[in-house]
Amino acid sequence: MFENNQPSVAVLLPCFNEEVTIGKVVRDFKAALPDATVYVYDNNSTDRTAEIAAAEGAIVRREPRQGKGNVIRAMFEDIDADVYVMADGDDTYPADAAPAMVSKVLEGYDMVIGDRLSSTYFQENKRPFHNFGNRLVRGSINGLFGAHVTDIMTGYRAFNFTFVKTYPVLSRGFEVETEMTIHSLNNNLRLYEMPIQYRDRPEGSVSKLDTVGDGIKVMSTIFRMIREYKPLPFFGGLGLIIGIVGIVLCGTVTFEFAKTGVVTHFPTLIGAVMLVIAGLLLIIAGIILDVMAKNDRKTFVIDTNKIAYNKRH
């Protein structure tokens, strides 16, 4: 499908009201990757973002569904390339790191992560709750998957064709980056982290992030994906806790009966037995869902192999 001597590269820039910075971002990526095609997806901007991007030579398309996740979904559906580089239009990510990221994808990695947190992020980012949120999300996901990813939520990434065409974009907003990382870890994809020099937004450029609102969305995404990708620890752990509470309550009633020969707390006994049954049902549900999750991973591997085969032929 893409059997040229020169692999095709697409630069993807989702944008919402970035007229202050988008011109420089497009120029920087054209200079760093002169053979790449730069796409700017305008997500209902009310300023001159689309006009400026087009004047700088970018291909401008519009996505009416609001939210970064919706924009990325449209980009992945519409654009075919050997390598994709995704960044933001706010000039916080250095374009000069893109060639090295492209090289890593061509070496065989499925996704290259532009790691902000190992370099200048905590010095440049002036929003302390964002720093705290990054640490919280990183610890939660790495602990669950036994991974060592440094920057879970970065928006600077590079992908190969197979990743883009098999990744199911479910999130609508900024939590999509977290979803990408969890998806990759769950399916044991080849990841490479590359430290980059992060810089804060220039003066006049306004962040679209809502620290509390987007933080809640990210944590709910983690909760949902843990439930889907790790059902046995999720449901099994919950069932174990409920079952233990029920067994303890049953023990108190049994101890009372052994001493007096009479059960005086029938409601406690009935509730305890119901808790034990509920705990067992949750554990069983966790086992069943875990088998289904493993089958989904097998199906994903088969699908990626088919896409990779079709691409080569």
Protein backbone atom coordinates (compact mmCIF):
# COMPACT_ATOMS: atom_id res chain seq x y z
CA MET A 1 0.00 0.00 0.00
CA PHE A 2 2.81 2.43 0.88
CA GLU A 3 5.70 0.70 -0.84
CA ASN A 4 7.76 3.73 -1.79
CA ASN A 5 11.44 4.22 -1.10
CA GLN A 6 10.51 7.24 0.98
CA PRO A 7 8.02 6.43 3.76
CA SER A 8 5.09 8.81 3.99
CA VAL A 9 4.80 10.92 7.14
CA ALA A 10 1.71 12.78 8.34
CA VAL A 11 1.87 15.47 11.04
CA LEU A 12 -1.45 15.69 12.90
CA LEU A 13 -2.32 18.91 14.74
CA PRO A 14 -5.70 19.03 16.51
CA CYS A 15 -6.58 22.67 17.19
CA PHE A 16 -9.14 24.78 18.98
CA ASN A 17 -8.57 28.55 19.00
CA GLU A 18 -4.78 28.50 18.50
CA GLU A 19 -4.32 31.51 16.20
CA VAL A 20 -1.48 32.85 18.38
CA THR A 21 0.74 29.80 17.87
CA ILE A 22 -0.51 27.64 14.97
CA GLY A 23 1.46 29.50 12.28
CA LYS A 24 4.78 28.93 14.06
CA VAL A 25 3.90 25.29 14.81
CA VAL A 26 3.15 24.54 11.15
CA ARG A 27 6.36 26.26 10.02
CA ASP A 28 8.42 24.39 12.61
CA PHE A 29 7.12 20.98 11.58
CA LYS A 30 7.57 21.76 7.89
CA ALA A 31 11.18 22.68 8.60
CA ALA A 32 11.80 19.59 10.77
CA LEU A 33 10.02 17.18 8.40
CA PRO A 34 10.15 18.79 4.93
CA ASP A 35 8.72 15.72 3.19
CA ALA A 36 5.80 15.32 5.60
CA THR A 37 2.23 16.45 5.04
CA VAL A 38 0.93 18.67 7.84
CA TYR A 39 -2.76 18.35 8.71
CA VAL A 40 -4.55 20.83 10.96
CA TYR A 41 -7.97 19.73 12.19
CA ASP A 42 -9.96 22.74 13.32
CA ASN A 43 -12.36 21.83 16.13
CA ASN A 44 -14.94 24.64 15.91
CA SER A 45 -12.45 27.47 16.43
CA THR A 46 -13.91 30.97 16.65
CA ASP A 47 -10.65 32.69 15.75
CA ARG A 48 -8.35 32.65 12.68
CA THR A 49 -6.73 29.26 13.41
CA ALA A 50 -7.85 27.61 10.17
CA GLU A 51 -7.02 30.64 8.02
CA ILE A 52 -3.49 30.99 9.42
CA ALA A 53 -2.77 27.27 9.14
CA ALA A 54 -3.88 27.19 5.50
CA ALA A 55 -1.74 30.24 4.72
CA GLU A 56 1.30 28.40 6.11
CA GLY A 57 0.70 25.45 3.79
CA ALA A 58 -1.11 23.01 6.06
CA ILE A 59 -4.04 20.91 4.88
CA VAL A 60 -6.95 22.18 6.98
CA ARG A 61 -9.96 20.05 7.77
CA ARG A 62 -12.81 20.64 10.18
CA GLU A 63 -14.22 18.33 12.84
CA PRO A 64 -17.63 19.45 14.18
CA ARG A 65 -17.72 17.03 17.15
CA GLN A 66 -16.18 18.98 20.02
CA GLY A 67 -13.33 17.41 21.97
CA LYS A 68 -9.78 16.29 21.31
CA GLY A 69 -10.73 12.62 21.33
CA ASN A 70 -13.26 13.22 18.56
CA VAL A 71 -10.64 15.07 16.50
CA ILE A 72 -8.08 12.28 16.86
CA ARG A 73 -10.70 9.73 15.90
CA ALA A 74 -11.42 11.66 12.69
CA MET A 75 -7.70 12.04 11.92
CA PHE A 76 -7.03 8.33 12.36
CA GLU A 77 -10.00 7.43 10.15
CA ASP A 78 -9.23 9.89 7.36
CA ILE A 79 -5.46 9.87 6.91
CA ASP A 80 -3.22 7.09 5.56
CA ALA A 81 0.54 7.24 6.08
CA ASP A 82 3.47 5.06 7.08
CA VAL A 83 4.24 7.19 10.12
CA TYR A 84 2.08 9.64 12.04
CA VAL A 85 3.36 12.41 14.32
CA MET A 86 0.77 13.96 16.62
CA ALA A 87 1.33 17.20 18.53
CA ASP A 88 -0.68 20.14 19.82
CA GLY A 89 -1.08 23.49 18.11
CA ASP A 90 -0.03 25.47 21.20
CA ASP A 91 3.75 25.44 20.56
CA THR A 92 4.57 23.55 23.75
CA TYR A 93 6.27 20.63 21.97
CA PRO A 94 9.52 21.02 19.98
CA ALA A 95 9.18 20.09 16.32
CA ASP A 96 12.89 19.33 16.08
CA ALA A 97 12.31 16.12 18.06
CA ALA A 98 9.97 14.78 15.35
CA PRO A 99 12.62 13.28 13.00
CA ALA A 100 14.03 11.14 15.82
CA MET A 101 10.51 9.99 16.74
CA VAL A 102 9.81 9.07 13.12
CA SER A 103 13.07 7.08 12.99
CA LYS A 104 12.04 5.06 16.05
CA VAL A 105 8.69 4.19 14.46
CA LEU A 106 10.50 3.07 11.30
CA GLU A 107 12.73 0.89 13.49
CA GLY A 108 9.63 -1.08 14.48
CA TYR A 109 8.03 0.63 17.48
CA ASP A 110 4.24 0.91 17.50
CA MET A 111 4.14 4.15 19.47
CA VAL A 112 6.83 6.66 20.45
CA ILE A 113 5.99 8.82 23.47
CA GLY A 114 7.36 12.34 23.76
CA ASP A 115 8.35 12.27 27.44
CA ARG A 116 7.96 15.74 28.99
CA LEU A 117 8.32 14.69 32.60
CA SER A 118 11.96 13.58 32.35
CA SER A 119 13.09 17.00 31.16
CA THR A 120 11.57 20.45 31.70
CA TYR A 121 7.86 19.87 32.37
CA PHE A 122 7.83 20.45 36.11
CA GLN A 123 9.88 23.63 35.72
CA GLU A 124 7.97 25.03 32.73
CA ASN A 125 4.42 24.07 33.70
CA LYS A 126 3.00 26.75 36.00
CA ARG A 127 -0.05 24.72 37.05
CA PRO A 128 0.77 22.71 40.22
CA PHE A 129 -2.40 20.62 40.12
CA HIS A 130 -1.44 19.44 36.61
CA ASN A 131 1.90 18.26 38.00
CA PHE A 132 0.15 16.44 40.84
CA GLY A 133 -2.34 14.89 38.41
CA ASN A 134 0.44 13.61 36.15
CA ARG A 135 2.14 11.90 39.08
CA LEU A 136 -1.14 10.38 40.31
CA VAL A 137 -2.12 9.00 36.90
CA ARG A 138 1.39 7.69 36.24
CA GLY A 139 1.55 5.85 39.57
CA SER A 140 -1.92 4.35 39.16
CA ILE A 141 -1.38 2.97 35.67
CA ASN A 142 2.19 1.77 36.15
CA GLY A 143 1.19 0.01 39.37
CA LEU A 144 -1.72 -1.77 37.74
CA PHE A 145 0.08 -2.88 34.57
CA GLY A 146 3.53 -3.39 36.08
CA ALA A 147 4.92 -0.83 33.64
CA HIS A 148 7.48 1.98 33.83
CA VAL A 149 6.02 4.64 31.51
CA THR A 150 7.16 8.08 32.63
CA ASP A 151 4.72 10.35 30.78
CA ILE A 152 1.24 8.85 30.52
CA MET A 153 -0.62 11.98 29.39
CA THR A 154 1.69 13.61 26.83
CA GLY A 155 0.11 14.84 23.61
CA TYR A 156 3.34 14.46 21.58
CA ARG A 157 3.43 10.99 20.06
CA ALA A 158 4.35 9.11 16.90
CA PHE A 159 2.59 5.99 15.61
CA ASN A 160 2.85 3.42 12.89
CA PHE A 161 0.05 2.65 10.44
CA THR A 162 -1.11 -0.50 12.25
CA PHE A 163 -1.53 1.29 15.58
CA VAL A 164 -3.57 4.09 14.06
CA LYS A 165 -5.93 1.75 12.22
CA THR A 166 -6.51 -0.63 15.15
CA TYR A 167 -6.75 1.82 18.04
CA PRO A 168 -10.39 2.29 19.13
CA VAL A 169 -10.81 5.95 20.14
CA LEU A 170 -13.56 5.95 22.76
CA SER A 171 -12.77 9.08 24.78
CA ARG A 172 -14.09 12.40 23.52
CA GLY A 173 -11.81 14.84 25.32
CA PHE A 174 -8.28 15.29 26.67
CA GLU A 175 -8.38 11.93 28.46
CA VAL A 176 -7.67 10.28 25.09
CA GLU A 177 -3.88 10.30 25.72
CA THR A 178 -4.35 8.30 28.93
CA GLU A 179 -6.58 5.88 27.02
CA MET A 180 -3.88 5.44 24.35
CA THR A 181 -1.28 4.49 26.93
CA ILE A 182 -3.53 2.01 28.73
CA HIS A 183 -4.55 0.46 25.40
CA SER A 184 -0.88 0.01 24.45
CA LEU A 185 0.10 -1.53 27.78
CA ASN A 186 -2.88 -3.86 27.83
CA ASN A 187 -2.07 -5.18 24.34
CA ASN A 188 1.69 -5.39 24.95
CA LEU A 189 2.57 -3.03 22.11
CA ARG A 190 6.10 -1.82 21.43
CA LEU A 191 6.54 1.53 23.19
CA TYR A 192 9.52 3.85 23.22
CA GLU A 193 9.82 6.93 25.42
CA MET A 194 11.89 9.81 24.11
CA PRO A 195 12.62 12.76 26.45
CA ILE A 196 11.65 16.09 24.90
CA GLN A 197 12.09 19.69 26.00
CA TYR A 198 8.63 20.86 27.04
CA ARG A 199 7.88 24.58 27.16
CA ASP A 200 4.89 26.38 28.60
CA ARG A 201 2.46 28.25 26.36
CA PRO A 202 3.71 31.61 25.08
CA GLU A 203 2.10 34.80 26.32
CA GLY A 204 -1.32 35.36 24.80
CA SER A 205 -2.03 31.65 24.30
CA VAL A 206 -4.72 30.33 26.62
CA SER A 207 -4.95 26.73 27.80
CA LYS A 208 -8.21 24.89 27.11
CA LEU A 209 -7.66 22.47 30.00
CA ASP A 210 -9.98 22.47 32.99
CA THR A 211 -7.78 21.19 35.83
CA VAL A 212 -10.62 19.78 37.95
CA GLY A 213 -13.03 18.80 35.20
CA ASP A 214 -10.46 17.15 32.93
CA GLY A 215 -8.82 15.54 35.96
CA ILE A 216 -12.12 13.90 36.89
CA LYS A 217 -12.54 12.70 33.30
CA VAL A 218 -9.04 11.22 33.27
CA MET A 219 -9.58 9.39 36.55
CA SER A 220 -12.97 8.10 35.37
CA THR A 221 -11.28 6.87 32.19
CA ILE A 222 -8.68 5.01 34.25
CA PHE A 223 -11.46 3.52 36.41
CA ARG A 224 -13.42 2.42 33.33
CA MET A 225 -10.42 0.90 31.57
CA ILE A 226 -9.28 -0.94 34.69
CA ARG A 227 -12.76 -2.43 34.90
CA GLU A 228 -12.59 -3.46 31.23
CA TYR A 229 -8.93 -4.50 30.89
CA LYS A 230 -8.32 -5.90 34.40
CA PRO A 231 -11.70 -7.33 35.42
CA LEU A 232 -10.36 -10.07 37.70
CA PRO A 233 -8.46 -7.73 40.07
CA PHE A 234 -11.31 -5.21 39.89
CA PHE A 235 -14.31 -7.47 40.49
CA GLY A 236 -12.35 -10.14 42.35
CA GLY A 237 -10.88 -7.62 44.78
CA LEU A 238 -14.28 -6.01 45.37
CA GLY A 239 -15.89 -9.40 45.84
CA LEU A 240 -13.15 -10.48 48.25
CA ILE A 241 -13.68 -7.39 50.43
CA ILE A 242 -17.47 -7.84 50.51
CA GLY A 243 -17.10 -11.56 51.17
CA ILE A 244 -14.70 -11.01 54.07
CA VAL A 245 -17.12 -8.51 55.65
CA GLY A 246 -19.90 -11.09 55.33
CA ILE A 247 -17.74 -13.85 56.84
CA VAL A 248 -16.80 -11.64 59.80
CA LEU A 249 -20.46 -10.85 60.46
CA CYS A 250 -21.33 -14.54 60.16
CA GLY A 251 -18.55 -15.27 62.65
CA THR A 252 -19.99 -12.89 65.25
CA VAL A 253 -23.43 -14.52 64.95
CA THR A 254 -21.90 -18.02 65.13
CA PHE A 255 -19.86 -17.07 68.20
CA GLU A 256 -23.00 -15.76 69.90
CA PHE A 257 -24.87 -18.97 69.04
CA ALA A 258 -22.02 -21.11 70.40
CA LYS A 259 -22.19 -19.26 73.73
CA THR A 260 -25.95 -18.96 74.20
CA GLY A 261 -27.46 -21.58 71.91
CA VAL A 262 -29.74 -18.88 70.50
CA VAL A 263 -29.50 -16.66 67.41
CA THR A 264 -30.82 -13.25 68.44
CA HIS A 265 -29.62 -11.21 65.45
CA PHE A 266 -31.37 -12.80 62.49
CA PRO A 267 -31.18 -9.64 60.31
CA THR A 268 -27.40 -9.61 60.82
CA LEU A 269 -27.19 -13.29 59.88
CA ILE A 270 -29.30 -12.83 56.74
CA GLY A 271 -27.32 -9.74 55.68
CA ALA A 272 -24.02 -11.53 56.29
CA VAL A 273 -25.03 -14.52 54.16
CA MET A 274 -26.14 -12.17 51.36
CA LEU A 275 -22.78 -10.37 51.50
CA VAL A 276 -20.92 -13.67 51.20
CA ILE A 277 -23.07 -14.68 48.22
CA ALA A 278 -22.60 -11.27 46.58
CA GLY A 279 -18.84 -11.53 47.09
CA LEU A 280 -18.73 -14.96 45.47
CA LEU A 281 -20.81 -13.72 42.52
CA LEU A 282 -18.44 -10.79 41.98
CA ILE A 283 -15.42 -13.11 42.02
CA ILE A 284 -17.09 -15.44 39.51
CA ALA A 285 -18.02 -12.48 37.32
CA GLY A 286 -14.38 -11.30 37.47
CA ILE A 287 -13.15 -14.71 36.32
CA ILE A 288 -15.61 -14.82 33.40
CA LEU A 289 -14.83 -11.26 32.30
CA ASP A 290 -11.09 -11.94 32.57
CA VAL A 291 -11.43 -14.82 30.12
CA MET A 292 -13.38 -12.54 27.76
CA ALA A 293 -10.70 -9.82 28.06
CA LYS A 294 -8.00 -12.34 27.15
CA ASN A 295 -10.02 -13.40 24.11
CA ASP A 296 -10.32 -9.74 23.10
CA ARG A 297 -6.53 -9.42 23.27
CA LYS A 298 -6.17 -12.50 21.06
CA THR A 299 -8.59 -10.99 18.55
CA PHE A 300 -6.65 -7.72 18.60
CA VAL A 301 -3.41 -9.53 17.76
CA ILE A 302 -5.09 -11.34 14.86
CA ASP A 303 -6.54 -8.06 13.55
CA THR A 304 -3.20 -6.24 13.73
CA ASN A 305 -1.50 -9.11 11.92
CA LYS A 306 -4.11 -8.91 9.13
CA ILE A 307 -3.67 -5.15 8.75
CA ALA A 308 0.12 -5.45 8.72
CA TYR A 309 -0.09 -8.21 6.07
CA ASN A 310 -2.48 -6.19 3.88
CA LYS A 311 -0.24 -3.12 4.17
CA ARG A 312 2.77 -5.07 2.91
CA HIS A 313 0.81 -6.62 0.03
